[in-house]
PDB file of N, CA and C in Angstrom:
ATOM      1  N   UNK A   1     -12.133  14.336  -7.425  1.00  0.00           N
ATOM      2  CA  UNK A   1     -11.518  15.224  -8.578  1.00  0.00           C
ATOM      3  C   UNK A   1     -10.177  14.636  -7.990  1.00  0.00           C
ATOM      4  N   UNK A   2      -9.722  14.813  -9.110  1.00  0.00           N
ATOM      5  CA  UNK A   2      -8.566  14.086  -9.788  1.00  0.00           C
ATOM      6  C   UNK A   2      -7.474  15.257  -9.673  1.00  0.00           C
ATOM      7  N   UNK A   3      -6.491  16.110  -9.895  1.00  0.00           N
ATOM      8  CA  UNK A   3      -5.930  17.559  -9.597  1.00  0.00           C
ATOM      9  C   UNK A   3      -4.578  16.814 -10.423  1.00  0.00           C
ATOM     10  N   UNK A   4      -3.779  17.488 -11.226  1.00  0.00           N
ATOM     11  CA  UNK A   4      -2.253  17.237 -11.398  1.00  0.00           C
ATOM     12  C   UNK A   4      -1.269  16.469 -10.651  1.00  0.00           C
ATOM     13  N   UNK A   5      -0.690  16.188 -10.953  1.00  0.00           N
ATOM     14  CA  UNK A   5       0.448  15.048 -10.220  1.00  0.00           C
ATOM     15  C   UNK A   5       0.981  15.446  -9.270  1.00  0.00           C
ATOM     16  N   UNK A   6       1.547  16.628  -8.857  1.00  0.00           N
ATOM     17  CA  UNK A   6       1.718  17.528  -8.334  1.00  0.00           C
ATOM     18  C   UNK A   6       1.581  18.274  -7.263  1.00  0.00           C
ATOM     19  N   UNK A   7       0.188  18.701  -7.017  1.00  0.00           N
ATOM     20  CA  UNK A   7      -0.790  18.817  -6.944  1.00  0.00           C
ATOM     21  C   UNK A   7      -1.100  18.289  -5.722  1.00  0.00           C
ATOM     22  N   UNK A   8      -0.828  18.991  -4.199  1.00  0.00           N
ATOM     23  CA  UNK A   8      -1.110  18.068  -2.569  1.00  0.00           C
ATOM     24  C   UNK A   8      -1.634  18.677  -2.148  1.00  0.00           C
ATOM     25  N   UNK A   9      -3.682  19.192  -2.657  1.00  0.00           N
ATOM     26  CA  UNK A   9      -4.117  19.988  -1.555  1.00  0.00           C
ATOM     27  C   UNK A   9      -3.981  19.138   0.120  1.00  0.00           C
ATOM     28  N   UNK A  10      -4.607  20.652   0.578  1.00  0.00           N
ATOM     29  CA  UNK A  10      -4.653  19.534   1.972  1.00  0.00           C
ATOM     30  C   UNK A  10      -6.048  20.515   2.387  1.00  0.00           C
ATOM     31  N   UNK A  11      -7.012  21.671   2.111  1.00  0.00           N
ATOM     32  CA  UNK A  11      -8.020  22.273   1.875  1.00  0.00           C
ATOM     33  C   UNK A  11      -8.813  21.929   1.100  1.00  0.00           C
ATOM     34  N   UNK A  12     -10.194  22.443   1.762  1.00  0.00           N
ATOM     35  CA  UNK A  12     -10.985  22.004   0.448  1.00  0.00           C
ATOM     36  C   UNK A  12     -12.473  23.312   1.260  1.00  0.00           C
ATOM     37  N   UNK A  13     -12.433  24.606   0.481  1.00  0.00           N
ATOM     38  CA  UNK A  13     -13.444  25.669   0.452  1.00  0.00           C
ATOM     39  C   UNK A  13     -15.018  25.672  -0.152  1.00  0.00           C
ATOM     40  N   UNK A  14     -15.757  25.682   0.368  1.00  0.00           N
ATOM     41  CA  UNK A  14     -16.978  26.278  -0.554  1.00  0.00           C
ATOM     42  C   UNK A  14     -17.304  27.527   0.043  1.00  0.00           C
ATOM     43  N   UNK A  15     -18.348  28.651  -0.613  1.00  0.00           N
ATOM     44  CA  UNK A  15     -18.474  29.271  -0.688  1.00  0.00           C
ATOM     45  C   UNK A  15     -20.586  29.347  -0.934  1.00  0.00           C
ATOM     46  N   UNK A  16     -21.232  29.630   0.087  1.00  0.00           N
ATOM     47  CA  UNK A  16     -22.460  29.578   0.590  1.00  0.00           C
ATOM     48  C   UNK A  16     -23.143  29.445   1.894  1.00  0.00           C
ATOM     49  N   UNK A  17     -24.517  28.935   2.390  1.00  0.00           N
ATOM     50  CA  UNK A  17     -24.855  28.799   2.949  1.00  0.00           C
ATOM     51  C   UNK A  17     -24.476  27.747   3.967  1.00  0.00           C
ATOM     52  N   UNK A  18     -24.602  27.624   5.234  1.00  0.00           N
ATOM     53  CA  UNK A  18     -24.510  26.157   5.905  1.00  0.00           C
ATOM     54  C   UNK A  18     -25.730  26.407   6.925  1.00  0.00           C
ATOM     55  N   UNK A  19     -26.266  24.707   7.489  1.00  0.00           N
ATOM     56  CA  UNK A  19     -26.751  24.650   8.217  1.00  0.00           C
ATOM     57  C   UNK A  19     -26.889  25.828   9.427  1.00  0.00           C
ATOM     58  N   UNK A  20     -25.891  26.437   9.886  1.00  0.00           N
ATOM     59  CA  UNK A  20     -25.690  26.880  10.976  1.00  0.00           C
ATOM     60  C   UNK A  20     -25.627  28.421  10.506  1.00  0.00           C
ATOM     61  N   UNK A  21     -25.670  28.865   9.372  1.00  0.00           N
ATOM     62  CA  UNK A  21     -24.996  30.184   9.024  1.00  0.00           C
ATOM     63  C   UNK A  21     -25.636  30.651   8.074  1.00  0.00           C
ATOM     64  N   UNK A  22     -27.164  30.516   7.704  1.00  0.00           N
ATOM     65  CA  UNK A  22     -27.796  30.882   6.393  1.00  0.00           C
ATOM     66  C   UNK A  22     -27.252  32.132   5.208  1.00  0.00           C
ATOM     67  N   UNK A  23     -26.330  32.837   6.238  1.00  0.00           N
ATOM     68  CA  UNK A  23     -26.123  34.122   4.615  1.00  0.00           C
ATOM     69  C   UNK A  23     -24.749  33.221   3.967  1.00  0.00           C
ATOM     70  N   UNK A  24     -24.834  33.426   3.068  1.00  0.00           N
ATOM     71  CA  UNK A  24     -23.370  33.275   2.224  1.00  0.00           C
ATOM     72  C   UNK A  24     -22.360  33.691   2.633  1.00  0.00           C
ATOM     73  N   UNK A  25     -21.590  32.857   3.182  1.00  0.00           N
ATOM     74  CA  UNK A  25     -19.937  32.999   3.476  1.00  0.00           C
ATOM     75  C   UNK A  25     -18.979  32.055   3.072  1.00  0.00           C
ATOM     76  N   UNK A  26     -17.422  32.136   2.959  1.00  0.00           N
ATOM     77  CA  UNK A  26     -16.618  30.948   2.964  1.00  0.00           C
ATOM     78  C   UNK A  26     -16.289  30.234   4.333  1.00  0.00           C
ATOM     79  N   UNK A  27     -16.363  28.888   3.581  1.00  0.00           N
ATOM     80  CA  UNK A  27     -16.292  27.754   4.870  1.00  0.00           C
ATOM     81  C   UNK A  27     -15.438  26.838   4.577  1.00  0.00           C
ATOM     82  N   UNK A  28     -14.586  26.278   5.402  1.00  0.00           N
ATOM     83  CA  UNK A  28     -13.865  25.172   4.963  1.00  0.00           C
ATOM     84  C   UNK A  28     -14.739  23.841   5.542  1.00  0.00           C
ATOM     85  N   UNK A  29     -14.797  23.117   4.164  1.00  0.00           N
ATOM     86  CA  UNK A  29     -15.178  21.950   4.004  1.00  0.00           C
ATOM     87  C   UNK A  29     -14.873  20.788   4.459  1.00  0.00           C
ATOM     88  N   UNK A  30     -14.189  20.718   5.777  1.00  0.00           N
ATOM     89  CA  UNK A  30     -13.456  18.937   5.762  1.00  0.00           C
ATOM     90  C   UNK A  30     -14.273  17.925   5.843  1.00  0.00           C
ATOM     91  N   UNK A  31     -14.196  16.794   6.208  1.00  0.00           N
ATOM     92  CA  UNK A  31     -14.947  15.491   6.345  1.00  0.00           C
ATOM     93  C   UNK A  31     -14.878  15.609   7.476  1.00  0.00           C
ATOM     94  N   UNK A  32     -16.366  15.345   8.224  1.00  0.00           N
ATOM     95  CA  UNK A  32     -17.377  15.569   9.594  1.00  0.00           C
ATOM     96  C   UNK A  32     -17.312  13.900   9.491  1.00  0.00           C
ATOM     97  N   UNK A  33     -17.545  13.205   9.103  1.00  0.00           N
ATOM     98  CA  UNK A  33     -18.213  11.558   8.741  1.00  0.00           C
ATOM     99  C   UNK A  33     -19.366  11.308   8.096  1.00  0.00           C
ATOM    100  N   UNK A  34     -19.808  12.913   7.854  1.00  0.00           N
ATOM    101  CA  UNK A  34     -21.046  12.392   6.726  1.00  0.00           C
ATOM    102  C   UNK A  34     -21.143  13.464   5.736  1.00  0.00           C
ATOM    103  N   UNK A  35     -20.375  14.566   5.730  1.00  0.00           N
ATOM    104  CA  UNK A  35     -20.044  15.803   4.684  1.00  0.00           C
ATOM    105  C   UNK A  35     -18.411  16.318   5.095  1.00  0.00           C
ATOM    106  N   UNK A  36     -18.386  16.651   3.483  1.00  0.00           N
ATOM    107  CA  UNK A  36     -16.832  17.335   3.007  1.00  0.00           C
ATOM    108  C   UNK A  36     -15.642  16.478   2.344  1.00  0.00           C
ATOM    109  N   UNK A  37     -14.469  16.913   2.702  1.00  0.00           N
ATOM    110  CA  UNK A  37     -13.350  16.439   1.415  1.00  0.00           C
ATOM    111  C   UNK A  37     -12.122  15.669   2.146  1.00  0.00           C
ATOM    112  N   UNK A  38     -12.279  14.560   2.066  1.00  0.00           N
ATOM    113  CA  UNK A  38     -10.909  13.669   2.115  1.00  0.00           C
ATOM    114  C   UNK A  38      -9.833  14.563   0.773  1.00  0.00           C
ATOM    115  N   UNK A  39      -8.934  13.746   1.579  1.00  0.00           N
ATOM    116  CA  UNK A  39      -7.456  14.017   0.185  1.00  0.00           C
ATOM    117  C   UNK A  39      -6.690  12.823   0.377  1.00  0.00           C
ATOM    118  N   UNK A  40      -6.513  12.390  -0.676  1.00  0.00           N
ATOM    119  CA  UNK A  40      -4.904  11.387  -1.052  1.00  0.00           C
ATOM    120  C   UNK A  40      -4.164  11.314  -2.231  1.00  0.00           C
ATOM    121  N   UNK A  41      -3.218  12.232  -1.777  1.00  0.00           N
ATOM    122  CA  UNK A  41      -2.421  12.843  -2.976  1.00  0.00           C
ATOM    123  C   UNK A  41      -2.829  13.759  -3.668  1.00  0.00           C
ATOM    124  N   UNK A  42      -3.294  13.589  -4.888  1.00  0.00           N
ATOM    125  CA  UNK A  42      -3.369  14.872  -5.736  1.00  0.00           C
ATOM    126  C   UNK A  42      -5.146  14.477  -5.855  1.00  0.00           C
ATOM    127  N   UNK A  43      -5.609  14.077  -5.007  1.00  0.00           N
ATOM    128  CA  UNK A  43      -7.433  13.187  -5.672  1.00  0.00           C
ATOM    129  C   UNK A  43      -7.606  13.405  -4.127  1.00  0.00           C
ATOM    130  N   UNK A  44      -9.491  14.534  -4.650  1.00  0.00           N
ATOM    131  CA  UNK A  44      -9.793  14.904  -3.005  1.00  0.00           C
ATOM    132  C   UNK A  44     -11.082  13.966  -3.429  1.00  0.00           C
ATOM    133  N   UNK A  45     -11.721  13.248  -2.559  1.00  0.00           N
ATOM    134  CA  UNK A  45     -12.934  12.896  -2.233  1.00  0.00           C
ATOM    135  C   UNK A  45     -14.005  14.212  -1.452  1.00  0.00           C
ATOM    136  N   UNK A  46     -15.086  13.865  -2.272  1.00  0.00           N
ATOM    137  CA  UNK A  46     -15.536  14.940  -2.178  1.00  0.00           C
ATOM    138  C   UNK A  46     -17.241  13.747  -1.455  1.00  0.00           C
ATOM    139  N   UNK A  47     -17.840  14.434  -0.045  1.00  0.00           N
ATOM    140  CA  UNK A  47     -18.952  13.627   0.252  1.00  0.00           C
ATOM    141  C   UNK A  47     -20.136  14.504   0.157  1.00  0.00           C
ATOM    142  N   UNK A  48     -21.345  14.421  -0.115  1.00  0.00           N
ATOM    143  CA  UNK A  48     -22.495  15.311  -0.470  1.00  0.00           C
ATOM    144  C   UNK A  48     -23.419  14.318   0.388  1.00  0.00           C
ATOM    145  N   UNK A  49     -24.582  15.412   0.789  1.00  0.00           N
ATOM    146  CA  UNK A  49     -25.662  14.969   1.061  1.00  0.00           C
ATOM    147  C   UNK A  49     -26.972  15.304   0.783  1.00  0.00           C
ATOM    148  N   UNK A  50     -28.345  15.272   0.038  1.00  0.00           N
ATOM    149  CA  UNK A  50     -28.351  16.242  -0.507  1.00  0.00           C
ATOM    150  C   UNK A  50     -29.112  17.047   0.741  1.00  0.00           C
ATOM    151  N   UNK A  51     -28.899  18.223   1.017  1.00  0.00           N
ATOM    152  CA  UNK A  51     -29.964  19.780   1.697  1.00  0.00           C
ATOM    153  C   UNK A  51     -29.199  19.105   2.798  1.00  0.00           C
ATOM    154  N   UNK A  52     -27.794  19.055   3.108  1.00  0.00           N
ATOM    155  CA  UNK A  52     -27.161  18.827   4.400  1.00  0.00           C
ATOM    156  C   UNK A  52     -26.072  19.803   3.915  1.00  0.00           C
ATOM    157  N   UNK A  53     -24.798  20.145   4.699  1.00  0.00           N
ATOM    158  CA  UNK A  53     -23.770  21.055   4.550  1.00  0.00           C
ATOM    159  C   UNK A  53     -22.358  21.022   3.018  1.00  0.00           C
ATOM    160  N   UNK A  54     -22.433  22.045   2.260  1.00  0.00           N
ATOM    161  CA  UNK A  54     -21.818  21.090   1.232  1.00  0.00           C
ATOM    162  C   UNK A  54     -23.017  21.530   0.492  1.00  0.00           C
ATOM    163  N   UNK A  55     -24.203  21.490   0.130  1.00  0.00           N
ATOM    164  CA  UNK A  55     -25.419  21.519  -0.712  1.00  0.00           C
ATOM    165  C   UNK A  55     -25.954  22.995  -0.819  1.00  0.00           C
ATOM    166  N   UNK A  56     -25.443  23.933  -1.267  1.00  0.00           N
ATOM    167  CA  UNK A  56     -25.416  25.275  -1.109  1.00  0.00           C
ATOM    168  C   UNK A  56     -27.131  25.737  -1.196  1.00  0.00           C
ATOM    169  N   UNK A  57     -28.124  24.934  -1.676  1.00  0.00           N
ATOM    170  CA  UNK A  57     -29.474  25.476  -1.841  1.00  0.00           C
ATOM    171  C   UNK A  57     -29.817  24.583  -0.600  1.00  0.00           C
ATOM    172  N   UNK A  58     -29.583  23.871   0.567  1.00  0.00           N
ATOM    173  CA  UNK A  58     -29.894  23.387   1.894  1.00  0.00           C
ATOM    174  C   UNK A  58     -31.132  22.611   1.764  1.00  0.00           C
ATOM    175  N   UNK A  59     -31.409  22.063   0.421  1.00  0.00           N
ATOM    176  CA  UNK A  59     -32.975  21.452   0.163  1.00  0.00           C
ATOM    177  C   UNK A  59     -32.550  20.332  -0.222  1.00  0.00           C
ATOM    178  N   UNK A  60     -33.167  19.580   0.626  1.00  0.00           N
ATOM    179  CA  UNK A  60     -33.349  18.129   0.214  1.00  0.00           C
ATOM    180  C   UNK A  60     -34.236  18.016  -0.976  1.00  0.00           C
ATOM    181  N   UNK A  61     -34.152  18.044  -2.616  1.00  0.00           N
ATOM    182  CA  UNK A  61     -34.602  18.069  -3.518  1.00  0.00           C
ATOM    183  C   UNK A  61     -34.017  17.232  -4.507  1.00  0.00           C
ATOM    184  N   UNK A  62     -33.242  16.956  -4.551  1.00  0.00           N
ATOM    185  CA  UNK A  62     -32.575  15.738  -5.524  1.00  0.00           C
ATOM    186  C   UNK A  62     -31.441  16.232  -6.331  1.00  0.00           C
ATOM    187  N   UNK A  63     -31.211  18.028  -6.150  1.00  0.00           N
ATOM    188  CA  UNK A  63     -30.270  18.278  -6.925  1.00  0.00           C
ATOM    189  C   UNK A  63     -28.997  18.532  -5.910  1.00  0.00           C
ATOM    190  N   UNK A  64     -27.874  18.919  -5.418  1.00  0.00           N
ATOM    191  CA  UNK A  64     -27.170  19.023  -5.215  1.00  0.00           C
ATOM    192  C   UNK A  64     -26.088  20.427  -5.634  1.00  0.00           C
ATOM    193  N   UNK A  65     -26.415  21.609  -4.947  1.00  0.00           N
ATOM    194  CA  UNK A  65     -25.813  22.709  -5.594  1.00  0.00           C
ATOM    195  C   UNK A  65     -24.107  22.980  -5.160  1.00  0.00           C
ATOM    196  N   UNK A  66     -23.506  22.851  -5.596  1.00  0.00           N
ATOM    197  CA  UNK A  66     -21.651  22.941  -5.042  1.00  0.00           C
ATOM    198  C   UNK A  66     -21.042  23.622  -5.836  1.00  0.00           C
ATOM    199  N   UNK A  67     -20.866  25.312  -4.953  1.00  0.00           N
ATOM    200  CA  UNK A  67     -19.150  26.035  -5.280  1.00  0.00           C
ATOM    201  C   UNK A  67     -18.031  26.032  -4.588  1.00  0.00           C
ATOM    202  N   UNK A  68     -17.243  25.565  -4.884  1.00  0.00           N
ATOM    203  CA  UNK A  68     -16.219  25.026  -4.196  1.00  0.00           C
ATOM    204  C   UNK A  68     -14.949  24.963  -4.732  1.00  0.00           C
ATOM    205  N   UNK A  69     -13.579  25.191  -3.927  1.00  0.00           N
ATOM    206  CA  UNK A  69     -12.569  24.979  -4.482  1.00  0.00           C
ATOM    207  C   UNK A  69     -11.461  24.235  -3.528  1.00  0.00           C
ATOM    208  N   UNK A  70     -10.552  23.708  -3.947  1.00  0.00           N
ATOM    209  CA  UNK A  70      -9.664  23.222  -2.982  1.00  0.00           C
ATOM    210  C   UNK A  70      -8.087  23.990  -2.765  1.00  0.00           C
ATOM    211  N   UNK A  71      -7.471  23.729  -2.267  1.00  0.00           N
ATOM    212  CA  UNK A  71      -6.449  24.519  -1.409  1.00  0.00           C
ATOM    213  C   UNK A  71      -5.068  23.794  -1.076  1.00  0.00           C
ATOM    214  N   UNK A  72      -3.982  24.309  -1.443  1.00  0.00           N
ATOM    215  CA  UNK A  72      -3.047  23.477  -0.909  1.00  0.00           C
ATOM    216  C   UNK A  72      -2.020  24.501   0.416  1.00  0.00           C
ATOM    217  N   UNK A  73      -1.099  23.986   0.878  1.00  0.00           N
ATOM    218  CA  UNK A  73      -0.183  24.860   1.963  1.00  0.00           C
ATOM    219  C   UNK A  73       0.753  25.784   1.248  1.00  0.00           C
ATOM    220  N   UNK A  74       0.645  27.043   1.785  1.00  0.00           N
ATOM    221  CA  UNK A  74       1.163  27.777   1.337  1.00  0.00           C
ATOM    222  C   UNK A  74       1.734  28.883   2.929  1.00  0.00           C
ATOM    223  N   UNK A  75       2.873  29.696   2.872  1.00  0.00           N
ATOM    224  CA  UNK A  75       2.743  30.499   3.927  1.00  0.00           C
ATOM    225  C   UNK A  75       1.853  31.500   3.786  1.00  0.00           C
ATOM    226  N   UNK A  76       1.312  32.448   3.126  1.00  0.00           N
ATOM    227  CA  UNK A  76       0.097  33.128   2.889  1.00  0.00           C
ATOM    228  C   UNK A  76      -0.841  33.143   2.125  1.00  0.00           C
ATOM    229  N   UNK A  77      -2.134  33.635   2.115  1.00  0.00           N
ATOM    230  CA  UNK A  77      -3.419  33.847   0.725  1.00  0.00           C
ATOM    231  C   UNK A  77      -3.462  34.954   1.126  1.00  0.00           C
ATOM    232  N   UNK A  78      -4.012  35.252  -0.610  1.00  0.00           N
ATOM    233  CA  UNK A  78      -4.777  36.022  -0.299  1.00  0.00           C
ATOM    234  C   UNK A  78      -6.297  35.842  -1.406  1.00  0.00           C
ATOM    235  N   UNK A  79      -7.544  36.145  -0.816  1.00  0.00           N
ATOM    236  CA  UNK A  79      -8.648  35.840  -1.044  1.00  0.00           C
ATOM    237  C   UNK A  79      -9.037  36.766  -1.966  1.00  0.00           C
ATOM    238  N   UNK A  80      -9.624  36.127  -3.386  1.00  0.00           N
ATOM    239  CA  UNK A  80     -10.393  37.382  -4.767  1.00  0.00           C
ATOM    240  C   UNK A  80     -11.732  36.576  -4.643  1.00  0.00           C
ATOM    241  N   UNK A  81     -12.421  37.314  -3.996  1.00  0.00           N
ATOM    242  CA  UNK A  81     -13.816  36.442  -5.087  1.00  0.00           C
ATOM    243  C   UNK A  81     -15.063  36.945  -4.122  1.00  0.00           C
ATOM    244  N   UNK A  82     -16.244  36.573  -5.104  1.00  0.00           N
ATOM    245  CA  UNK A  82     -16.961  36.403  -4.170  1.00  0.00           C
ATOM    246  C   UNK A  82     -17.472  37.663  -3.517  1.00  0.00           C
ATOM    247  N   UNK A  83     -16.877  39.147  -3.949  1.00  0.00           N
ATOM    248  CA  UNK A  83     -16.733  40.254  -3.058  1.00  0.00           C
ATOM    249  C   UNK A  83     -16.108  40.135  -1.554  1.00  0.00           C
ATOM    250  N   UNK A  84     -15.136  39.088  -1.514  1.00  0.00           N
ATOM    251  CA  UNK A  84     -14.154  38.513  -0.486  1.00  0.00           C
ATOM    252  C   UNK A  84     -12.660  39.418  -0.957  1.00  0.00           C
ATOM    253  N   UNK A  85     -12.300  40.074   0.364  1.00  0.00           N
ATOM    254  CA  UNK A  85     -10.753  40.425  -0.137  1.00  0.00           C
ATOM    255  C   UNK A  85     -10.190  39.870   1.290  1.00  0.00           C
ATOM    256  N   UNK A  86      -9.451  39.282   1.532  1.00  0.00           N
ATOM    257  CA  UNK A  86      -8.975  39.136   3.090  1.00  0.00           C
ATOM    258  C   UNK A  86      -7.348  38.364   2.886  1.00  0.00           C
ATOM    259  N   UNK A  87      -6.724  38.372   3.934  1.00  0.00           N
ATOM    260  CA  UNK A  87      -5.427  38.050   3.817  1.00  0.00           C
ATOM    261  C   UNK A  87      -5.176  36.649   5.077  1.00  0.00           C
ATOM    262  N   UNK A  88      -5.320  35.700   4.367  1.00  0.00           N
ATOM    263  CA  UNK A  88      -4.999  34.716   5.676  1.00  0.00           C
ATOM    264  C   UNK A  88      -3.835  33.699   5.930  1.00  0.00           C
ATOM    265  N   UNK A  89      -3.612  33.153   7.022  1.00  0.00           N
ATOM    266  CA  UNK A  89      -1.981  32.302   7.033  1.00  0.00           C
ATOM    267  C   UNK A  89      -2.167  30.859   6.887  1.00  0.00           C
ATOM    268  N   UNK A  90      -1.592  30.308   5.707  1.00  0.00           N
ATOM    269  CA  UNK A  90      -1.321  28.661   6.243  1.00  0.00           C
ATOM    270  C   UNK A  90      -2.096  28.250   4.993  1.00  0.00           C
ATOM    271  N   UNK A  91      -2.767  28.798   3.940  1.00  0.00           N
ATOM    272  CA  UNK A  91      -3.662  27.850   2.447  1.00  0.00           C
ATOM    273  C   UNK A  91      -3.752  28.744   1.446  1.00  0.00           C
ATOM    274  N   UNK A  92      -3.436  28.488   0.671  1.00  0.00           N
ATOM    275  CA  UNK A  92      -3.600  29.186  -0.838  1.00  0.00           C
ATOM    276  C   UNK A  92      -4.771  28.701  -1.765  1.00  0.00           C
ATOM    277  N   UNK A  93      -5.403  29.220  -2.052  1.00  0.00           N
ATOM    278  CA  UNK A  93      -6.780  28.887  -2.782  1.00  0.00           C
ATOM    279  C   UNK A  93      -5.835  28.904  -4.423  1.00  0.00           C
TER     280      UNK A  93
END
């Protein structure tokens, strides 16, 4: 994913189930050596494996379902979406 030239994301968030938590939730999708997001300037490199973390249907079926968004560093954020309302320090969606 290539973003605007002055954009420098540092995190990528996804909303959905994970292998360790089948309930839809917001989670950070950092690269773990197999799946996740890596960053290079204004580029986000996304790594997916069908049926693994990051594939929101968690089923090896030839389809990867991918709701997610990059984030950049700021003093605080307010997340509104998918019924989630909260305040966290350090990242902005």
